[in-house]
Amino acid sequence: MDVATTTLAERIARALAGLDHSANAEGAETSASGSVEETWRAYLMQADAVLRTIREPSKAMVSAGDAGAWSAMVDQAIAESETL
């Protein structure tokens, strides 16, 4: 299994920055990596909101796996985000 080297909050923040900057999404830059690198920290509040929103699994998610593990992992991701 692959394991990420960055926190989930950082990855979410970078994805949100990419959406704003990249021409592949809502932005205008054909190569947005530099802008994403410079601005992703500005998206940490939105990333935290995403994490807090997904903390509780849906009924379908519960039927697919361990709801307690899911909630514990998301809680840990929230705790990690507080160190950024």
N, C-alpha and C. Protein backbone atom coordinates (compact mmCIF):
# COMPACT_ATOMS: atom_id res chain seq x y z
N MET A 1 0.84 -1.17 0.00
CA MET A 1 0.00 0.00 0.00
C MET A 1 0.89 1.24 0.00
N ASP A 2 0.55 2.19 -0.85
CA ASP A 2 1.27 3.46 -0.87
C ASP A 2 0.89 4.28 0.36
N VAL A 3 1.84 5.02 0.90
CA VAL A 3 1.62 5.90 2.04
C VAL A 3 2.12 7.29 1.66
N ALA A 4 1.27 8.28 1.86
CA ALA A 4 1.62 9.65 1.50
C ALA A 4 2.73 10.20 2.39
N THR A 5 3.52 11.09 1.83
CA THR A 5 4.59 11.72 2.61
C THR A 5 4.19 13.10 3.12
N THR A 6 3.02 13.57 2.74
CA THR A 6 2.51 14.86 3.22
C THR A 6 1.18 14.62 3.93
N THR A 7 0.77 15.58 4.74
CA THR A 7 -0.49 15.44 5.46
C THR A 7 -1.66 15.53 4.49
N LEU A 8 -2.78 14.97 4.91
CA LEU A 8 -3.99 15.04 4.10
C LEU A 8 -4.42 16.50 3.92
N ALA A 9 -4.30 17.30 4.96
CA ALA A 9 -4.68 18.72 4.86
C ALA A 9 -3.85 19.42 3.80
N GLU A 10 -2.56 19.15 3.74
CA GLU A 10 -1.72 19.78 2.73
C GLU A 10 -2.13 19.33 1.33
N ARG A 11 -2.42 18.05 1.17
CA ARG A 11 -2.82 17.57 -0.15
C ARG A 11 -4.14 18.18 -0.59
N ILE A 12 -5.08 18.33 0.35
CA ILE A 12 -6.35 18.98 0.02
C ILE A 12 -6.11 20.44 -0.34
N ALA A 13 -5.30 21.13 0.45
CA ALA A 13 -5.02 22.54 0.19
C ALA A 13 -4.36 22.71 -1.17
N ARG A 14 -3.44 21.84 -1.50
CA ARG A 14 -2.79 21.92 -2.82
C ARG A 14 -3.78 21.65 -3.95
N ALA A 15 -4.68 20.72 -3.74
CA ALA A 15 -5.69 20.45 -4.77
C ALA A 15 -6.60 21.66 -4.96
N LEU A 16 -6.99 22.29 -3.87
CA LEU A 16 -7.84 23.49 -3.97
C LEU A 16 -7.10 24.64 -4.65
N ALA A 17 -5.83 24.80 -4.32
CA ALA A 17 -5.03 25.83 -4.99
C ALA A 17 -4.92 25.53 -6.48
N GLY A 18 -4.73 24.26 -6.81
CA GLY A 18 -4.66 23.87 -8.21
C GLY A 18 -5.94 24.18 -8.96
N LEU A 19 -7.07 23.96 -8.32
CA LEU A 19 -8.35 24.29 -8.95
C LEU A 19 -8.44 25.77 -9.28
N ASP A 20 -7.94 26.61 -8.39
CA ASP A 20 -7.99 28.05 -8.62
C ASP A 20 -7.00 28.53 -9.67
N HIS A 21 -5.85 27.87 -9.76
CA HIS A 21 -4.78 28.37 -10.63
C HIS A 21 -4.69 27.68 -11.99
N SER A 22 -4.99 26.40 -12.05
CA SER A 22 -4.73 25.62 -13.26
C SER A 22 -5.78 25.82 -14.35
N ALA A 23 -5.29 25.93 -15.56
CA ALA A 23 -6.19 26.03 -16.72
C ALA A 23 -6.97 24.74 -16.92
N ASN A 24 -6.52 23.65 -16.32
CA ASN A 24 -7.26 22.39 -16.38
C ASN A 24 -8.50 22.42 -15.49
N ALA A 25 -8.65 23.47 -14.72
CA ALA A 25 -9.80 23.61 -13.82
C ALA A 25 -10.39 25.01 -14.03
N GLU A 26 -10.42 25.82 -12.98
CA GLU A 26 -11.02 27.15 -13.06
C GLU A 26 -10.01 28.26 -13.30
N GLY A 27 -8.73 27.95 -13.27
CA GLY A 27 -7.69 28.96 -13.41
C GLY A 27 -7.30 29.22 -14.84
N ALA A 28 -6.25 30.02 -14.99
CA ALA A 28 -5.80 30.41 -16.32
C ALA A 28 -4.38 29.94 -16.64
N GLU A 29 -3.68 29.40 -15.66
CA GLU A 29 -2.28 29.05 -15.85
C GLU A 29 -2.13 27.66 -16.48
N THR A 30 -1.35 27.59 -17.56
CA THR A 30 -1.13 26.29 -18.20
C THR A 30 -0.18 25.43 -17.38
N SER A 31 0.66 26.07 -16.58
CA SER A 31 1.55 25.35 -15.67
C SER A 31 1.44 26.04 -14.31
N ALA A 32 0.61 25.48 -13.45
CA ALA A 32 0.28 26.14 -12.19
C ALA A 32 1.09 25.67 -11.01
N SER A 33 2.06 24.79 -11.21
CA SER A 33 2.77 24.21 -10.06
C SER A 33 3.46 25.28 -9.21
N GLY A 34 4.03 26.29 -9.82
CA GLY A 34 4.68 27.36 -9.07
C GLY A 34 3.70 28.14 -8.21
N SER A 35 2.56 28.46 -8.78
CA SER A 35 1.54 29.18 -8.03
C SER A 35 0.98 28.34 -6.90
N VAL A 36 0.79 27.05 -7.16
CA VAL A 36 0.30 26.16 -6.12
C VAL A 36 1.31 26.10 -4.99
N GLU A 37 2.58 25.97 -5.33
CA GLU A 37 3.64 25.91 -4.31
C GLU A 37 3.65 27.18 -3.46
N GLU A 38 3.41 28.32 -4.07
CA GLU A 38 3.43 29.60 -3.35
C GLU A 38 2.18 29.85 -2.52
N THR A 39 1.04 29.26 -2.90
CA THR A 39 -0.23 29.67 -2.28
C THR A 39 -0.96 28.60 -1.50
N TRP A 40 -0.52 27.35 -1.51
CA TRP A 40 -1.33 26.29 -0.92
C TRP A 40 -1.65 26.52 0.54
N ARG A 41 -0.76 27.16 1.29
CA ARG A 41 -1.04 27.40 2.71
C ARG A 41 -2.25 28.31 2.91
N ALA A 42 -2.56 29.14 1.94
CA ALA A 42 -3.73 30.02 2.03
C ALA A 42 -5.03 29.22 1.96
N TYR A 43 -4.95 27.96 1.58
CA TYR A 43 -6.13 27.10 1.44
C TYR A 43 -6.30 26.14 2.62
N LEU A 44 -5.49 26.28 3.65
CA LEU A 44 -5.56 25.35 4.78
C LEU A 44 -6.88 25.47 5.55
N MET A 45 -7.47 26.65 5.62
CA MET A 45 -8.74 26.78 6.32
C MET A 45 -9.83 26.00 5.58
N GLN A 46 -9.83 26.08 4.25
CA GLN A 46 -10.79 25.30 3.47
C GLN A 46 -10.52 23.80 3.60
N ALA A 47 -9.25 23.43 3.63
CA ALA A 47 -8.89 22.01 3.79
C ALA A 47 -9.40 21.50 5.14
N ASP A 48 -9.26 22.31 6.17
CA ASP A 48 -9.75 21.92 7.49
C ASP A 48 -11.27 21.74 7.46
N ALA A 49 -11.96 22.62 6.75
CA ALA A 49 -13.42 22.49 6.63
C ALA A 49 -13.79 21.19 5.93
N VAL A 50 -13.04 20.82 4.90
CA VAL A 50 -13.29 19.55 4.20
C VAL A 50 -13.09 18.38 5.16
N LEU A 51 -12.00 18.39 5.90
CA LEU A 51 -11.72 17.30 6.83
C LEU A 51 -12.82 17.17 7.89
N ARG A 52 -13.26 18.28 8.42
CA ARG A 52 -14.30 18.23 9.45
C ARG A 52 -15.64 17.77 8.86
N THR A 53 -15.85 18.05 7.59
CA THR A 53 -17.08 17.62 6.92
C THR A 53 -17.09 16.11 6.68
N ILE A 54 -15.95 15.54 6.33
CA ILE A 54 -15.92 14.11 6.01
C ILE A 54 -15.66 13.23 7.23
N ARG A 55 -15.58 13.83 8.40
CA ARG A 55 -15.30 13.06 9.61
C ARG A 55 -16.35 11.97 9.85
N GLU A 56 -17.60 12.26 9.56
CA GLU A 56 -18.67 11.28 9.77
C GLU A 56 -18.96 10.56 8.46
N PRO A 57 -18.79 9.24 8.43
CA PRO A 57 -19.04 8.49 7.19
C PRO A 57 -20.53 8.41 6.86
N SER A 58 -20.80 8.28 5.58
CA SER A 58 -22.18 8.10 5.14
C SER A 58 -22.62 6.65 5.41
N LYS A 59 -23.90 6.37 5.25
CA LYS A 59 -24.39 5.00 5.44
C LYS A 59 -23.70 4.04 4.48
N ALA A 60 -23.51 4.47 3.25
CA ALA A 60 -22.85 3.61 2.27
C ALA A 60 -21.41 3.32 2.67
N MET A 61 -20.73 4.33 3.21
CA MET A 61 -19.36 4.13 3.65
C MET A 61 -19.30 3.16 4.83
N VAL A 62 -20.23 3.29 5.75
CA VAL A 62 -20.27 2.39 6.91
C VAL A 62 -20.48 0.96 6.46
N SER A 63 -21.32 0.77 5.46
CA SER A 63 -21.58 -0.59 4.98
C SER A 63 -20.37 -1.19 4.26
N ALA A 64 -19.45 -0.33 3.82
CA ALA A 64 -18.27 -0.81 3.10
C ALA A 64 -17.08 -1.09 4.00
N GLY A 65 -17.10 -0.58 5.23
CA GLY A 65 -15.92 -0.79 6.06
C GLY A 65 -16.12 -0.35 7.49
N ASP A 66 -15.02 -0.15 8.18
CA ASP A 66 -14.99 0.16 9.60
C ASP A 66 -15.16 1.66 9.84
N ALA A 67 -16.33 2.06 10.29
CA ALA A 67 -16.64 3.48 10.53
C ALA A 67 -15.75 4.06 11.62
N GLY A 68 -15.45 3.28 12.62
CA GLY A 68 -14.59 3.77 13.69
C GLY A 68 -13.19 4.08 13.21
N ALA A 69 -12.66 3.22 12.34
CA ALA A 69 -11.33 3.46 11.78
C ALA A 69 -11.34 4.70 10.91
N TRP A 70 -12.38 4.85 10.11
CA TRP A 70 -12.50 6.04 9.26
C TRP A 70 -12.47 7.31 10.11
N SER A 71 -13.33 7.36 11.12
CA SER A 71 -13.41 8.55 11.97
C SER A 71 -12.09 8.81 12.68
N ALA A 72 -11.43 7.76 13.15
CA ALA A 72 -10.14 7.92 13.83
C ALA A 72 -9.09 8.47 12.88
N MET A 73 -9.07 7.98 11.64
CA MET A 73 -8.09 8.46 10.67
C MET A 73 -8.35 9.92 10.31
N VAL A 74 -9.61 10.30 10.14
CA VAL A 74 -9.92 11.69 9.81
C VAL A 74 -9.59 12.59 11.01
N ASP A 75 -9.90 12.13 12.21
CA ASP A 75 -9.53 12.91 13.40
C ASP A 75 -8.02 13.11 13.46
N GLN A 76 -7.25 12.09 13.11
CA GLN A 76 -5.79 12.23 13.09
C GLN A 76 -5.35 13.22 12.01
N ALA A 77 -6.01 13.20 10.86
CA ALA A 77 -5.70 14.16 9.80
C ALA A 77 -5.97 15.59 10.25
N ILE A 78 -7.04 15.78 11.02
CA ILE A 78 -7.35 17.10 11.56
C ILE A 78 -6.25 17.52 12.55
N ALA A 79 -5.85 16.60 13.40
CA ALA A 79 -4.78 16.90 14.37
C ALA A 79 -3.48 17.25 13.66
N GLU A 80 -3.15 16.51 12.60
CA GLU A 80 -1.94 16.80 11.81
C GLU A 80 -2.01 18.19 11.19
N SER A 81 -3.21 18.57 10.75
CA SER A 81 -3.36 19.86 10.06
C SER A 81 -3.05 21.02 11.00
N GLU A 82 -3.21 20.80 12.29
CA GLU A 82 -2.95 21.86 13.26
C GLU A 82 -1.46 22.13 13.43
N THR A 83 -0.61 21.26 12.86
CA THR A 83 0.83 21.45 12.95
C THR A 83 1.40 22.19 11.75
N LEU A 84 0.58 22.46 10.75
CA LEU A 84 1.07 23.13 9.54
C LEU A 84 1.13 24.63 9.70
